[in-house]
């Protein structure tokens, strides 16, 4: 939840510490292996973080019996977890807001040219952000939300029923926005013939 190991977002010391504190707040007997998985750390590094947080008075070590033990958050540790989570939430909202603004800017040219009747191709998390961006911008009509996955057909996303791509033939949008970042080129090639013959613009974000 707190760590995104991607090119533009790398796990920080603070994010790893928050991941450990959050896990311990839910289950003081969570294994160090699981703590390592959640914080993207080796077992040795988990031990180092736990010792550091114990020295800082954030966690306390409590033997359960001769063979097991547990860590729990101190009052200071819980206050630190809440403060760090608030900062994490604030930064996440800022990133989401920036992404939505970037999408709005990318699609502003469509509205300026009167292309307001849109279909979205790719029913994914990205599509949800695009839908929010379109609602905030106003003036657009989403006539279809399509996806190649037959298991998604008939389900809903953001209040729109997901249809197979064949639906584009009858709905005739003015533009199709590809909302699947990972398959932009593949979907573009799939749409090229249909959109070209019907003068439908294809938009890659």
C-alpha atoms as a PDB file:
ATOM      1  CA  UNK A   1       0.000   0.000   0.000  1.00  0.00           C
ATOM      2  CA  UNK A   2       2.699   2.487   0.969  1.00  0.00           C
ATOM      3  CA  UNK A   3       5.430   1.346  -1.415  1.00  0.00           C
ATOM      4  CA  UNK A   4       5.408   1.674  -5.188  1.00  0.00           C
ATOM      5  CA  UNK A   5       8.642   0.307  -6.636  1.00  0.00           C
ATOM      6  CA  UNK A   6       8.408   1.973 -10.029  1.00  0.00           C
ATOM      7  CA  UNK A   7      10.717   4.150 -12.118  1.00  0.00           C
ATOM      8  CA  UNK A   8       9.216   7.467 -11.012  1.00  0.00           C
ATOM      9  CA  UNK A   9       8.295   6.477  -7.465  1.00  0.00           C
ATOM     10  CA  UNK A  10      10.865   4.700  -5.348  1.00  0.00           C
ATOM     11  CA  UNK A  11      10.394   3.405  -1.787  1.00  0.00           C
ATOM     12  CA  UNK A  12      11.885   5.785   0.784  1.00  0.00           C
ATOM     13  CA  UNK A  13      13.081   5.164   4.306  1.00  0.00           C
ATOM     14  CA  UNK A  14       9.958   6.908   5.589  1.00  0.00           C
ATOM     15  CA  UNK A  15       7.645   4.777   3.423  1.00  0.00           C
ATOM     16  CA  UNK A  16       9.289   1.580   4.645  1.00  0.00           C
ATOM     17  CA  UNK A  17       9.070   2.712   8.248  1.00  0.00           C
ATOM     18  CA  UNK A  18       5.390   3.550   7.783  1.00  0.00           C
ATOM     19  CA  UNK A  19       4.778   0.118   6.203  1.00  0.00           C
ATOM     20  CA  UNK A  20       6.339  -1.587   9.231  1.00  0.00           C
ATOM     21  CA  UNK A  21       4.505   0.574  11.780  1.00  0.00           C
ATOM     22  CA  UNK A  22       1.195   0.029  10.003  1.00  0.00           C
ATOM     23  CA  UNK A  23       1.693  -3.744   9.860  1.00  0.00           C
ATOM     24  CA  UNK A  24       2.587  -3.882  13.562  1.00  0.00           C
ATOM     25  CA  UNK A  25      -0.424  -1.747  14.489  1.00  0.00           C
ATOM     26  CA  UNK A  26      -2.635  -4.442  12.952  1.00  0.00           C
ATOM     27  CA  UNK A  27      -0.770  -7.524  14.151  1.00  0.00           C
ATOM     28  CA  UNK A  28       2.102  -7.428  16.611  1.00  0.00           C
ATOM     29  CA  UNK A  29       2.949 -11.065  15.858  1.00  0.00           C
ATOM     30  CA  UNK A  30       3.309 -10.600  12.110  1.00  0.00           C
ATOM     31  CA  UNK A  31       6.417 -12.431  10.934  1.00  0.00           C
ATOM     32  CA  UNK A  32       9.563 -10.587   9.981  1.00  0.00           C
ATOM     33  CA  UNK A  33       9.329 -12.265   6.577  1.00  0.00           C
ATOM     34  CA  UNK A  34       5.924 -10.643   6.053  1.00  0.00           C
ATOM     35  CA  UNK A  35       7.236  -7.315   7.337  1.00  0.00           C
ATOM     36  CA  UNK A  36      10.046  -7.593   4.796  1.00  0.00           C
ATOM     37  CA  UNK A  37       7.574  -8.288   1.994  1.00  0.00           C
ATOM     38  CA  UNK A  38       5.405  -5.294   2.882  1.00  0.00           C
ATOM     39  CA  UNK A  39       8.367  -2.950   3.327  1.00  0.00           C
ATOM     40  CA  UNK A  40      10.422  -4.346   0.417  1.00  0.00           C
ATOM     41  CA  UNK A  41      13.304  -5.168   2.770  1.00  0.00           C
ATOM     42  CA  UNK A  42      15.545  -8.123   3.509  1.00  0.00           C
ATOM     43  CA  UNK A  43      15.294  -9.893   6.868  1.00  0.00           C
ATOM     44  CA  UNK A  44      18.475  -8.185   8.042  1.00  0.00           C
ATOM     45  CA  UNK A  45      17.117  -4.760   7.124  1.00  0.00           C
ATOM     46  CA  UNK A  46      13.825  -5.476   8.916  1.00  0.00           C
ATOM     47  CA  UNK A  47      15.837  -6.241  12.053  1.00  0.00           C
ATOM     48  CA  UNK A  48      17.760  -3.020  11.625  1.00  0.00           C
ATOM     49  CA  UNK A  49      14.577  -0.954  11.224  1.00  0.00           C
ATOM     50  CA  UNK A  50      12.975  -2.615  14.253  1.00  0.00           C
ATOM     51  CA  UNK A  51      16.041  -1.936  16.405  1.00  0.00           C
ATOM     52  CA  UNK A  52      16.102   1.673  15.228  1.00  0.00           C
ATOM     53  CA  UNK A  53      12.422   2.184  15.988  1.00  0.00           C
ATOM     54  CA  UNK A  54      12.839   0.514  19.362  1.00  0.00           C
ATOM     55  CA  UNK A  55      15.726   2.902  20.177  1.00  0.00           C
ATOM     56  CA  UNK A  56      13.513   5.820  19.127  1.00  0.00           C
ATOM     57  CA  UNK A  57      10.741   4.657  21.425  1.00  0.00           C
ATOM     58  CA  UNK A  58       8.323   3.875  18.609  1.00  0.00           C
ATOM     59  CA  UNK A  59       7.983   0.127  19.234  1.00  0.00           C
ATOM     60  CA  UNK A  60       8.522  -2.148  22.189  1.00  0.00           C
ATOM     61  CA  UNK A  61       9.723  -5.745  22.253  1.00  0.00           C
ATOM     62  CA  UNK A  62       7.559  -8.116  24.302  1.00  0.00           C
ATOM     63  CA  UNK A  63       8.531 -11.769  24.810  1.00  0.00           C
ATOM     64  CA  UNK A  64       5.439 -13.985  24.698  1.00  0.00           C
ATOM     65  CA  UNK A  65       7.118 -17.191  25.851  1.00  0.00           C
ATOM     66  CA  UNK A  66      10.461 -18.847  25.510  1.00  0.00           C
ATOM     67  CA  UNK A  67      10.047 -19.351  21.774  1.00  0.00           C
ATOM     68  CA  UNK A  68       8.081 -16.368  20.469  1.00  0.00           C
ATOM     69  CA  UNK A  69       7.829 -12.638  20.869  1.00  0.00           C
ATOM     70  CA  UNK A  70       5.887  -9.691  19.533  1.00  0.00           C
ATOM     71  CA  UNK A  71       6.438  -6.048  18.774  1.00  0.00           C
ATOM     72  CA  UNK A  72       3.830  -3.437  19.593  1.00  0.00           C
ATOM     73  CA  UNK A  73       3.602   0.284  18.985  1.00  0.00           C
ATOM     74  CA  UNK A  74       4.186   2.629  21.873  1.00  0.00           C
ATOM     75  CA  UNK A  75       1.970   5.679  22.292  1.00  0.00           C
ATOM     76  CA  UNK A  76       4.689   7.668  20.542  1.00  0.00           C
ATOM     77  CA  UNK A  77       4.861   5.050  17.805  1.00  0.00           C
ATOM     78  CA  UNK A  78       1.124   5.222  17.139  1.00  0.00           C
ATOM     79  CA  UNK A  79       1.281   9.041  17.023  1.00  0.00           C
ATOM     80  CA  UNK A  80       4.170   8.792  14.572  1.00  0.00           C
ATOM     81  CA  UNK A  81       2.241   6.282  12.425  1.00  0.00           C
ATOM     82  CA  UNK A  82      -0.773   8.600  12.260  1.00  0.00           C
ATOM     83  CA  UNK A  83       1.370  11.614  11.346  1.00  0.00           C
ATOM     84  CA  UNK A  84       3.232   9.666   8.664  1.00  0.00           C
ATOM     85  CA  UNK A  85      -0.014   8.279   7.257  1.00  0.00           C
ATOM     86  CA  UNK A  86      -1.438  11.807   7.052  1.00  0.00           C
ATOM     87  CA  UNK A  87       1.614  12.928   5.076  1.00  0.00           C
ATOM     88  CA  UNK A  88       1.405   9.851   2.831  1.00  0.00           C
ATOM     89  CA  UNK A  89      -2.290  10.521   2.170  1.00  0.00           C
ATOM     90  CA  UNK A  90      -1.639  14.169   1.366  1.00  0.00           C
ATOM     91  CA  UNK A  91       1.123  13.301  -1.109  1.00  0.00           C
ATOM     92  CA  UNK A  92      -1.054  10.621  -2.734  1.00  0.00           C
ATOM     93  CA  UNK A  93      -3.889  13.108  -3.239  1.00  0.00           C
ATOM     94  CA  UNK A  94      -1.440  15.596  -4.766  1.00  0.00           C
ATOM     95  CA  UNK A  95      -0.175  12.947  -7.218  1.00  0.00           C
ATOM     96  CA  UNK A  96      -3.734  11.962  -8.133  1.00  0.00           C
ATOM     97  CA  UNK A  97      -4.679  15.617  -8.646  1.00  0.00           C
ATOM     98  CA  UNK A  98      -1.616  16.194 -10.850  1.00  0.00           C
ATOM     99  CA  UNK A  99      -2.432  13.116 -12.945  1.00  0.00           C
ATOM    100  CA  UNK A 100      -6.030  14.232 -13.395  1.00  0.00           C
ATOM    101  CA  UNK A 101      -4.877  17.723 -14.437  1.00  0.00           C
ATOM    102  CA  UNK A 102      -2.432  16.205 -16.941  1.00  0.00           C
ATOM    103  CA  UNK A 103      -5.223  14.126 -18.492  1.00  0.00           C
ATOM    104  CA  UNK A 104      -7.530  17.159 -18.665  1.00  0.00           C
ATOM    105  CA  UNK A 105      -4.794  19.116 -20.427  1.00  0.00           C
ATOM    106  CA  UNK A 106      -4.246  16.279 -22.887  1.00  0.00           C
ATOM    107  CA  UNK A 107      -7.962  16.142 -23.753  1.00  0.00           C
ATOM    108  CA  UNK A 108      -8.598  19.906 -23.795  1.00  0.00           C
ATOM    109  CA  UNK A 109      -7.775  20.035 -27.502  1.00  0.00           C
ATOM    110  CA  UNK A 110     -10.644  17.666 -28.281  1.00  0.00           C
ATOM    111  CA  UNK A 111     -13.210  19.959 -26.694  1.00  0.00           C
ATOM    112  CA  UNK A 112     -11.726  22.973 -28.484  1.00  0.00           C
ATOM    113  CA  UNK A 113     -12.314  21.187 -31.803  1.00  0.00           C
ATOM    114  CA  UNK A 114     -15.828  20.139 -30.875  1.00  0.00           C
ATOM    115  CA  UNK A 115     -14.964  16.470 -30.332  1.00  0.00           C
ATOM    116  CA  UNK A 116     -17.000  15.863 -27.202  1.00  0.00           C
ATOM    117  CA  UNK A 117     -18.611  12.484 -27.863  1.00  0.00           C
ATOM    118  CA  UNK A 118     -16.032  10.010 -26.552  1.00  0.00           C
ATOM    119  CA  UNK A 119     -15.502   6.293 -26.118  1.00  0.00           C
ATOM    120  CA  UNK A 120     -12.920   5.030 -23.640  1.00  0.00           C
ATOM    121  CA  UNK A 121     -10.969   1.894 -24.523  1.00  0.00           C
ATOM    122  CA  UNK A 122      -9.572  -0.016 -21.551  1.00  0.00           C
ATOM    123  CA  UNK A 123     -11.627  -0.626 -18.403  1.00  0.00           C
ATOM    124  CA  UNK A 124      -8.837  -0.302 -15.843  1.00  0.00           C
ATOM    125  CA  UNK A 125      -7.825   1.832 -12.867  1.00  0.00           C
ATOM    126  CA  UNK A 126      -6.496   4.389 -15.341  1.00  0.00           C
ATOM    127  CA  UNK A 127      -9.933   4.579 -16.937  1.00  0.00           C
ATOM    128  CA  UNK A 128     -11.417   5.547 -13.572  1.00  0.00           C
ATOM    129  CA  UNK A 129      -8.998   8.488 -13.364  1.00  0.00           C
ATOM    130  CA  UNK A 130      -9.883   9.526 -16.935  1.00  0.00           C
ATOM    131  CA  UNK A 131     -13.594   9.405 -16.094  1.00  0.00           C
ATOM    132  CA  UNK A 132     -13.008  11.636 -13.080  1.00  0.00           C
ATOM    133  CA  UNK A 133     -10.955  14.041 -15.195  1.00  0.00           C
ATOM    134  CA  UNK A 134     -13.702  14.220 -17.832  1.00  0.00           C
ATOM    135  CA  UNK A 135     -16.387  14.881 -15.205  1.00  0.00           C
ATOM    136  CA  UNK A 136     -14.287  17.645 -13.667  1.00  0.00           C
ATOM    137  CA  UNK A 137     -13.624  19.213 -17.088  1.00  0.00           C
ATOM    138  CA  UNK A 138     -17.295  19.109 -18.111  1.00  0.00           C
ATOM    139  CA  UNK A 139     -18.665  19.242 -21.631  1.00  0.00           C
ATOM    140  CA  UNK A 140     -17.812  15.673 -22.626  1.00  0.00           C
ATOM    141  CA  UNK A 141     -20.181  12.761 -23.213  1.00  0.00           C
ATOM    142  CA  UNK A 142     -18.856   9.252 -22.680  1.00  0.00           C
ATOM    143  CA  UNK A 143     -20.928   7.114 -25.055  1.00  0.00           C
ATOM    144  CA  UNK A 144     -19.081   3.849 -24.467  1.00  0.00           C
ATOM    145  CA  UNK A 145     -16.549   2.148 -22.269  1.00  0.00           C
ATOM    146  CA  UNK A 146     -15.044  -0.828 -24.096  1.00  0.00           C
ATOM    147  CA  UNK A 147     -12.524  -3.523 -23.295  1.00  0.00           C
ATOM    148  CA  UNK A 148     -11.103  -6.589 -25.029  1.00  0.00           C
ATOM    149  CA  UNK A 149     -11.530  -8.793 -21.943  1.00  0.00           C
ATOM    150  CA  UNK A 150     -14.775 -10.783 -22.395  1.00  0.00           C
ATOM    151  CA  UNK A 151     -14.975 -11.310 -18.615  1.00  0.00           C
ATOM    152  CA  UNK A 152     -15.517  -7.560 -18.152  1.00  0.00           C
ATOM    153  CA  UNK A 153     -18.391  -7.304 -20.632  1.00  0.00           C
ATOM    154  CA  UNK A 154     -21.658  -6.320 -18.929  1.00  0.00           C
ATOM    155  CA  UNK A 155     -19.946  -5.173 -15.739  1.00  0.00           C
ATOM    156  CA  UNK A 156     -19.863  -1.517 -14.764  1.00  0.00           C
ATOM    157  CA  UNK A 157     -17.087   0.959 -14.096  1.00  0.00           C
ATOM    158  CA  UNK A 158     -17.731   4.490 -12.948  1.00  0.00           C
ATOM    159  CA  UNK A 159     -21.407   4.161 -13.790  1.00  0.00           C
ATOM    160  CA  UNK A 160     -20.777   2.930 -17.339  1.00  0.00           C
ATOM    161  CA  UNK A 161     -21.485  -0.565 -18.640  1.00  0.00           C
ATOM    162  CA  UNK A 162     -18.415  -2.186 -20.192  1.00  0.00           C
ATOM    163  CA  UNK A 163     -18.965  -3.336 -23.780  1.00  0.00           C
ATOM    164  CA  UNK A 164     -16.875  -5.306 -26.278  1.00  0.00           C
ATOM    165  CA  UNK A 165     -15.044  -3.246 -28.941  1.00  0.00           C
ATOM    166  CA  UNK A 166     -17.611  -4.203 -31.600  1.00  0.00           C
ATOM    167  CA  UNK A 167     -19.985  -1.728 -29.921  1.00  0.00           C
ATOM    168  CA  UNK A 168     -17.955   1.131 -31.405  1.00  0.00           C
ATOM    169  CA  UNK A 169     -19.366   0.373 -34.860  1.00  0.00           C
ATOM    170  CA  UNK A 170     -22.903   1.316 -33.862  1.00  0.00           C
ATOM    171  CA  UNK A 171     -22.190   4.034 -31.296  1.00  0.00           C
ATOM    172  CA  UNK A 172     -19.989   6.130 -33.601  1.00  0.00           C
ATOM    173  CA  UNK A 173     -18.062   8.279 -31.108  1.00  0.00           C
ATOM    174  CA  UNK A 174     -16.164  11.322 -32.363  1.00  0.00           C
ATOM    175  CA  UNK A 175     -13.003  10.127 -30.647  1.00  0.00           C
ATOM    176  CA  UNK A 176     -11.733   7.033 -28.855  1.00  0.00           C
ATOM    177  CA  UNK A 177      -9.419   7.623 -25.886  1.00  0.00           C
ATOM    178  CA  UNK A 178      -7.092   4.722 -25.132  1.00  0.00           C
ATOM    179  CA  UNK A 179      -7.063   4.470 -21.337  1.00  0.00           C
ATOM    180  CA  UNK A 180      -4.829   1.404 -21.089  1.00  0.00           C
ATOM    181  CA  UNK A 181      -1.315   2.793 -20.636  1.00  0.00           C
ATOM    182  CA  UNK A 182       0.343  -0.593 -20.958  1.00  0.00           C
ATOM    183  CA  UNK A 183      -1.237  -1.519 -24.316  1.00  0.00           C
ATOM    184  CA  UNK A 184      -1.471   1.803 -26.143  1.00  0.00           C
ATOM    185  CA  UNK A 185       0.193   0.701 -29.376  1.00  0.00           C
ATOM    186  CA  UNK A 186      -1.585  -2.660 -29.548  1.00  0.00           C
ATOM    187  CA  UNK A 187      -4.997  -1.036 -29.084  1.00  0.00           C
ATOM    188  CA  UNK A 188      -4.141   1.742 -31.535  1.00  0.00           C
ATOM    189  CA  UNK A 189      -3.430  -0.844 -34.238  1.00  0.00           C
ATOM    190  CA  UNK A 190      -6.681  -2.620 -33.386  1.00  0.00           C
ATOM    191  CA  UNK A 191      -8.661   0.617 -33.762  1.00  0.00           C
ATOM    192  CA  UNK A 192      -6.865   2.099 -36.752  1.00  0.00           C
ATOM    193  CA  UNK A 193      -8.982   0.542 -39.523  1.00  0.00           C
ATOM    194  CA  UNK A 194     -12.361   1.062 -37.848  1.00  0.00           C
ATOM    195  CA  UNK A 195     -11.669   4.635 -36.785  1.00  0.00           C
ATOM    196  CA  UNK A 196     -10.107   5.676 -40.062  1.00  0.00           C
ATOM    197  CA  UNK A 197     -13.111   4.509 -42.080  1.00  0.00           C
ATOM    198  CA  UNK A 198     -15.527   6.380 -39.796  1.00  0.00           C
ATOM    199  CA  UNK A 199     -13.420   9.534 -39.311  1.00  0.00           C
ATOM    200  CA  UNK A 200     -13.044   8.797 -35.598  1.00  0.00           C
ATOM    201  CA  UNK A 201      -9.990  10.280 -33.892  1.00  0.00           C
ATOM    202  CA  UNK A 202      -7.830   8.015 -31.727  1.00  0.00           C
ATOM    203  CA  UNK A 203      -6.243   9.618 -28.664  1.00  0.00           C
ATOM    204  CA  UNK A 204      -3.281   8.102 -26.866  1.00  0.00           C
ATOM    205  CA  UNK A 205      -2.668   9.593 -23.414  1.00  0.00           C
END
